[in-house]
């Protein structure tokens, strides 16, 4: 590969809209992460979700901005066993992830 082409190829990174959430309330020990994974999978979103030591849940979703707004609305309501007290959200642009996992 010619060095000039190699250099330009390195600059072609794909950035995708990302929603980064921190969810507070009764969100651990109630199946919340599994609910999040199920809802993300229904919408074909990539990302991850994990429990934090302080009792919150952190989640990252990647996909179309309209779909990210939809998952935000769904997650903010929680599942039937959880109680959402606060949701901190930040929209970002990041490198693309593949799949959706529970960490």
N, C-alpha and C. Protein backbone atom coordinates (compact mmCIF):
# COMPACT_ATOMS: atom_id res chain seq x y z
N UNK A 1 0.85 -1.18 0.00
CA UNK A 1 0.00 0.00 0.00
C UNK A 1 0.89 1.23 0.00
N UNK A 2 0.52 2.17 -0.78
CA UNK A 2 1.31 3.39 -0.89
C UNK A 2 1.18 4.20 0.41
N UNK A 3 2.28 4.81 0.90
CA UNK A 3 2.28 5.50 2.20
C UNK A 3 1.23 6.61 2.30
N UNK A 4 0.99 7.35 1.21
CA UNK A 4 -0.01 8.41 1.26
C UNK A 4 -1.40 7.83 1.47
N UNK A 5 -1.71 6.73 0.79
CA UNK A 5 -3.01 6.10 0.94
C UNK A 5 -3.15 5.52 2.35
N UNK A 6 -2.09 4.91 2.86
CA UNK A 6 -2.11 4.35 4.21
C UNK A 6 -2.41 5.43 5.24
N UNK A 7 -1.80 6.59 5.07
CA UNK A 7 -2.01 7.69 6.00
C UNK A 7 -3.46 8.17 5.95
N UNK A 8 -4.04 8.27 4.78
CA UNK A 8 -5.43 8.74 4.68
C UNK A 8 -6.40 7.69 5.20
N UNK A 9 -6.08 6.43 5.05
CA UNK A 9 -6.95 5.37 5.56
C UNK A 9 -7.00 5.43 7.08
N UNK A 10 -5.90 5.71 7.72
CA UNK A 10 -5.87 5.80 9.18
C UNK A 10 -6.78 6.92 9.69
N UNK A 11 -6.99 7.93 8.89
CA UNK A 11 -7.81 9.06 9.31
C UNK A 11 -9.31 8.79 9.17
N UNK A 12 -9.68 7.71 8.49
CA UNK A 12 -11.09 7.41 8.24
C UNK A 12 -11.67 6.54 9.36
N UNK A 13 -11.88 7.13 10.51
CA UNK A 13 -12.54 6.41 11.61
C UNK A 13 -14.02 6.71 11.55
N UNK A 14 -14.82 5.71 11.89
CA UNK A 14 -16.26 5.89 11.89
C UNK A 14 -16.70 6.23 13.31
N UNK A 15 -17.30 7.40 13.46
CA UNK A 15 -17.83 7.81 14.76
C UNK A 15 -19.35 7.71 14.67
N UNK A 16 -19.94 7.24 15.74
CA UNK A 16 -21.37 6.98 15.76
C UNK A 16 -21.98 7.67 16.98
N UNK A 17 -23.22 8.14 16.88
CA UNK A 17 -23.87 8.74 18.05
C UNK A 17 -23.95 7.74 19.21
N UNK A 18 -23.66 8.25 20.39
CA UNK A 18 -23.64 7.41 21.59
C UNK A 18 -24.37 8.12 22.72
N UNK A 19 -25.14 7.36 23.47
CA UNK A 19 -25.81 7.86 24.66
C UNK A 19 -25.16 7.20 25.87
N UNK A 20 -24.66 8.00 26.80
CA UNK A 20 -23.99 7.50 28.00
C UNK A 20 -24.89 7.87 29.19
N UNK A 21 -25.37 6.85 29.92
CA UNK A 21 -26.31 7.06 31.03
C UNK A 21 -25.75 6.60 32.36
N UNK A 22 -26.11 7.32 33.40
CA UNK A 22 -25.93 6.89 34.79
C UNK A 22 -27.31 6.93 35.41
N UNK A 23 -27.77 5.78 35.91
CA UNK A 23 -29.13 5.66 36.43
C UNK A 23 -29.06 5.39 37.93
N UNK A 24 -29.76 6.22 38.71
CA UNK A 24 -29.81 6.09 40.17
C UNK A 24 -31.20 5.67 40.61
N UNK A 25 -31.25 5.01 41.76
CA UNK A 25 -32.51 4.55 42.34
C UNK A 25 -32.38 3.10 42.74
N UNK A 26 -33.48 2.39 42.73
CA UNK A 26 -33.46 0.94 43.00
C UNK A 26 -33.24 0.25 41.66
N UNK A 27 -31.96 0.10 41.28
CA UNK A 27 -31.63 -0.42 39.96
C UNK A 27 -30.67 -1.61 40.01
N UNK A 28 -30.30 -2.04 41.20
CA UNK A 28 -29.46 -3.22 41.33
C UNK A 28 -30.21 -4.29 42.09
N UNK A 29 -30.05 -5.54 41.63
CA UNK A 29 -30.72 -6.67 42.28
C UNK A 29 -32.18 -6.82 41.88
N UNK A 30 -32.61 -6.13 40.82
CA UNK A 30 -34.01 -6.17 40.39
C UNK A 30 -34.15 -6.52 38.90
N UNK A 31 -33.07 -7.05 38.30
CA UNK A 31 -33.12 -7.43 36.89
C UNK A 31 -33.03 -6.25 35.93
N UNK A 32 -32.58 -5.12 36.42
CA UNK A 32 -32.56 -3.92 35.59
C UNK A 32 -31.60 -4.03 34.41
N UNK A 33 -30.39 -4.57 34.65
CA UNK A 33 -29.43 -4.70 33.56
C UNK A 33 -29.96 -5.61 32.46
N UNK A 34 -30.67 -6.67 32.83
CA UNK A 34 -31.24 -7.59 31.84
C UNK A 34 -32.37 -6.92 31.06
N UNK A 35 -33.14 -6.09 31.75
CA UNK A 35 -34.16 -5.27 31.11
C UNK A 35 -33.52 -4.33 30.09
N UNK A 36 -32.43 -3.67 30.49
CA UNK A 36 -31.73 -2.74 29.60
C UNK A 36 -31.21 -3.48 28.37
N UNK A 37 -30.58 -4.64 28.57
CA UNK A 37 -30.05 -5.41 27.44
C UNK A 37 -31.17 -5.83 26.49
N UNK A 38 -32.30 -6.28 27.05
CA UNK A 38 -33.43 -6.70 26.23
C UNK A 38 -33.98 -5.55 25.39
N UNK A 39 -34.15 -4.39 26.01
CA UNK A 39 -34.67 -3.23 25.30
C UNK A 39 -33.69 -2.75 24.23
N UNK A 40 -32.41 -2.75 24.53
CA UNK A 40 -31.39 -2.35 23.56
C UNK A 40 -31.36 -3.32 22.38
N UNK A 41 -31.49 -4.60 22.66
CA UNK A 41 -31.49 -5.60 21.59
C UNK A 41 -32.71 -5.45 20.68
N UNK A 42 -33.86 -5.15 21.26
CA UNK A 42 -35.07 -4.92 20.46
C UNK A 42 -34.87 -3.80 19.45
N UNK A 43 -34.08 -2.79 19.85
CA UNK A 43 -33.87 -1.61 19.00
C UNK A 43 -32.58 -1.72 18.18
N UNK A 44 -31.93 -2.88 18.24
CA UNK A 44 -30.68 -3.12 17.48
C UNK A 44 -29.58 -2.14 17.84
N UNK A 45 -29.48 -1.80 19.12
CA UNK A 45 -28.43 -0.90 19.60
C UNK A 45 -27.22 -1.70 20.06
N UNK A 46 -26.05 -1.13 19.92
CA UNK A 46 -24.83 -1.70 20.46
C UNK A 46 -24.50 -0.99 21.76
N UNK A 47 -23.68 -1.64 22.60
CA UNK A 47 -23.25 -0.99 23.83
C UNK A 47 -23.04 -1.96 24.96
N UNK A 48 -23.18 -1.43 26.18
CA UNK A 48 -22.97 -2.24 27.37
C UNK A 48 -23.70 -1.60 28.56
N UNK A 49 -23.85 -2.41 29.61
CA UNK A 49 -24.48 -1.95 30.85
C UNK A 49 -23.77 -2.63 32.02
N UNK A 50 -23.59 -1.89 33.12
CA UNK A 50 -22.93 -2.50 34.29
C UNK A 50 -23.39 -1.83 35.58
N UNK A 51 -23.32 -2.60 36.68
CA UNK A 51 -23.55 -2.07 38.01
C UNK A 51 -22.32 -1.31 38.47
N UNK A 52 -22.52 -0.23 39.20
CA UNK A 52 -21.43 0.52 39.80
C UNK A 52 -21.41 0.29 41.30
N UNK A 53 -20.24 0.40 41.93
CA UNK A 53 -20.14 0.16 43.38
C UNK A 53 -21.01 1.08 44.22
N UNK A 54 -21.35 2.26 43.70
CA UNK A 54 -22.15 3.22 44.48
C UNK A 54 -23.65 2.97 44.37
N UNK A 55 -24.06 1.86 43.70
CA UNK A 55 -25.48 1.51 43.61
C UNK A 55 -26.15 1.96 42.32
N UNK A 56 -25.46 2.77 41.53
CA UNK A 56 -26.01 3.19 40.25
C UNK A 56 -25.74 2.14 39.18
N UNK A 57 -26.37 2.33 38.03
CA UNK A 57 -26.09 1.52 36.84
C UNK A 57 -25.59 2.48 35.77
N UNK A 58 -24.55 2.06 35.06
CA UNK A 58 -24.00 2.84 33.95
C UNK A 58 -24.28 2.08 32.67
N UNK A 59 -24.69 2.79 31.63
CA UNK A 59 -24.98 2.15 30.34
C UNK A 59 -24.53 3.05 29.20
N UNK A 60 -24.09 2.41 28.13
CA UNK A 60 -23.71 3.09 26.90
C UNK A 60 -24.46 2.44 25.75
N UNK A 61 -25.09 3.27 24.92
CA UNK A 61 -25.85 2.79 23.75
C UNK A 61 -25.31 3.51 22.53
N UNK A 62 -25.22 2.79 21.41
CA UNK A 62 -24.83 3.41 20.16
C UNK A 62 -25.84 3.08 19.08
N UNK A 63 -26.15 4.08 18.26
CA UNK A 63 -27.09 3.89 17.16
C UNK A 63 -27.59 5.22 16.65
N UNK A 64 -28.67 5.16 15.91
CA UNK A 64 -29.32 6.34 15.35
C UNK A 64 -29.82 7.23 16.49
N UNK A 65 -29.65 8.54 16.35
CA UNK A 65 -30.03 9.46 17.44
C UNK A 65 -31.51 9.33 17.83
N UNK A 66 -32.40 9.13 16.87
CA UNK A 66 -33.83 8.96 17.19
C UNK A 66 -34.05 7.72 18.05
N UNK A 67 -33.33 6.66 17.74
CA UNK A 67 -33.47 5.41 18.52
C UNK A 67 -32.84 5.59 19.90
N UNK A 68 -31.76 6.36 20.00
CA UNK A 68 -31.16 6.64 21.30
C UNK A 68 -32.13 7.42 22.19
N UNK A 69 -32.87 8.34 21.60
CA UNK A 69 -33.88 9.07 22.38
C UNK A 69 -34.99 8.13 22.84
N UNK A 70 -35.33 7.15 22.01
CA UNK A 70 -36.35 6.17 22.38
C UNK A 70 -35.88 5.29 23.54
N UNK A 71 -34.62 4.81 23.49
CA UNK A 71 -34.13 3.97 24.59
C UNK A 71 -34.01 4.80 25.87
N UNK A 72 -33.66 6.06 25.75
CA UNK A 72 -33.59 6.93 26.93
C UNK A 72 -34.94 7.00 27.62
N UNK A 73 -35.98 7.18 26.84
CA UNK A 73 -37.34 7.25 27.39
C UNK A 73 -37.72 5.94 28.08
N UNK A 74 -37.41 4.84 27.44
CA UNK A 74 -37.74 3.51 28.00
C UNK A 74 -36.97 3.26 29.29
N UNK A 75 -35.68 3.51 29.27
CA UNK A 75 -34.83 3.25 30.44
C UNK A 75 -35.23 4.16 31.60
N UNK A 76 -35.60 5.39 31.30
CA UNK A 76 -35.99 6.34 32.35
C UNK A 76 -37.24 5.88 33.11
N UNK A 77 -38.07 5.04 32.49
CA UNK A 77 -39.26 4.50 33.16
C UNK A 77 -38.94 3.25 33.98
N UNK A 78 -37.87 2.53 33.60
CA UNK A 78 -37.47 1.34 34.33
C UNK A 78 -38.35 0.15 34.04
N UNK A 79 -38.03 -0.97 34.70
CA UNK A 79 -38.88 -2.17 34.59
C UNK A 79 -39.83 -2.20 35.79
N UNK A 80 -40.62 -3.25 35.90
CA UNK A 80 -41.65 -3.27 36.95
C UNK A 80 -41.08 -3.44 38.36
N UNK A 81 -39.81 -3.84 38.52
CA UNK A 81 -39.22 -4.02 39.85
C UNK A 81 -38.31 -2.87 40.26
N UNK A 82 -37.91 -2.04 39.31
CA UNK A 82 -36.97 -0.96 39.61
C UNK A 82 -37.70 0.33 39.96
N UNK A 83 -36.92 1.25 40.51
CA UNK A 83 -37.42 2.61 40.77
C UNK A 83 -36.32 3.56 40.31
N UNK A 84 -36.62 4.40 39.35
CA UNK A 84 -35.64 5.34 38.82
C UNK A 84 -35.80 6.67 39.54
N UNK A 85 -34.75 7.08 40.25
CA UNK A 85 -34.77 8.37 40.94
C UNK A 85 -34.13 9.48 40.10
N UNK A 86 -33.09 9.13 39.37
CA UNK A 86 -32.36 10.14 38.59
C UNK A 86 -31.66 9.46 37.42
N UNK A 87 -31.69 10.13 36.28
CA UNK A 87 -30.97 9.65 35.09
C UNK A 87 -30.11 10.79 34.57
N UNK A 88 -28.81 10.56 34.52
CA UNK A 88 -27.87 11.54 33.96
C UNK A 88 -27.51 11.04 32.56
N UNK A 89 -27.69 11.90 31.57
CA UNK A 89 -27.46 11.50 30.18
C UNK A 89 -26.52 12.46 29.48
N UNK A 90 -25.69 11.89 28.62
CA UNK A 90 -24.80 12.68 27.79
C UNK A 90 -24.74 12.04 26.40
N UNK A 91 -25.00 12.85 25.38
CA UNK A 91 -24.84 12.38 24.00
C UNK A 91 -23.41 12.66 23.58
N UNK A 92 -22.79 11.67 22.95
CA UNK A 92 -21.38 11.75 22.55
C UNK A 92 -21.24 11.20 21.13
N UNK A 93 -20.05 11.32 20.58
CA UNK A 93 -19.68 10.68 19.31
C UNK A 93 -18.47 9.80 19.62
N UNK A 94 -18.56 8.51 19.40
CA UNK A 94 -17.47 7.60 19.76
C UNK A 94 -17.25 6.57 18.66
N UNK A 95 -16.15 5.82 18.80
CA UNK A 95 -15.88 4.71 17.89
C UNK A 95 -16.98 3.67 18.05
N UNK A 96 -17.28 2.99 16.98
CA UNK A 96 -18.38 2.04 16.97
C UNK A 96 -18.09 0.79 17.80
N UNK A 97 -19.08 0.37 18.59
CA UNK A 97 -19.04 -0.87 19.35
C UNK A 97 -19.80 -1.94 18.58
N UNK A 98 -19.64 -3.20 18.97
CA UNK A 98 -20.38 -4.29 18.34
C UNK A 98 -21.12 -5.09 19.42
N UNK A 99 -22.43 -5.28 19.21
CA UNK A 99 -23.23 -6.07 20.15
C UNK A 99 -23.61 -5.28 21.38
N UNK A 100 -24.33 -5.94 22.30
CA UNK A 100 -24.71 -5.32 23.57
C UNK A 100 -24.45 -6.33 24.67
N UNK A 101 -23.65 -5.96 25.67
CA UNK A 101 -23.27 -6.91 26.71
C UNK A 101 -23.54 -6.34 28.10
N UNK A 102 -23.67 -7.25 29.04
CA UNK A 102 -23.71 -6.91 30.46
C UNK A 102 -22.29 -7.13 30.98
N UNK A 103 -21.76 -6.12 31.63
CA UNK A 103 -20.39 -6.22 32.18
C UNK A 103 -20.48 -6.58 33.65
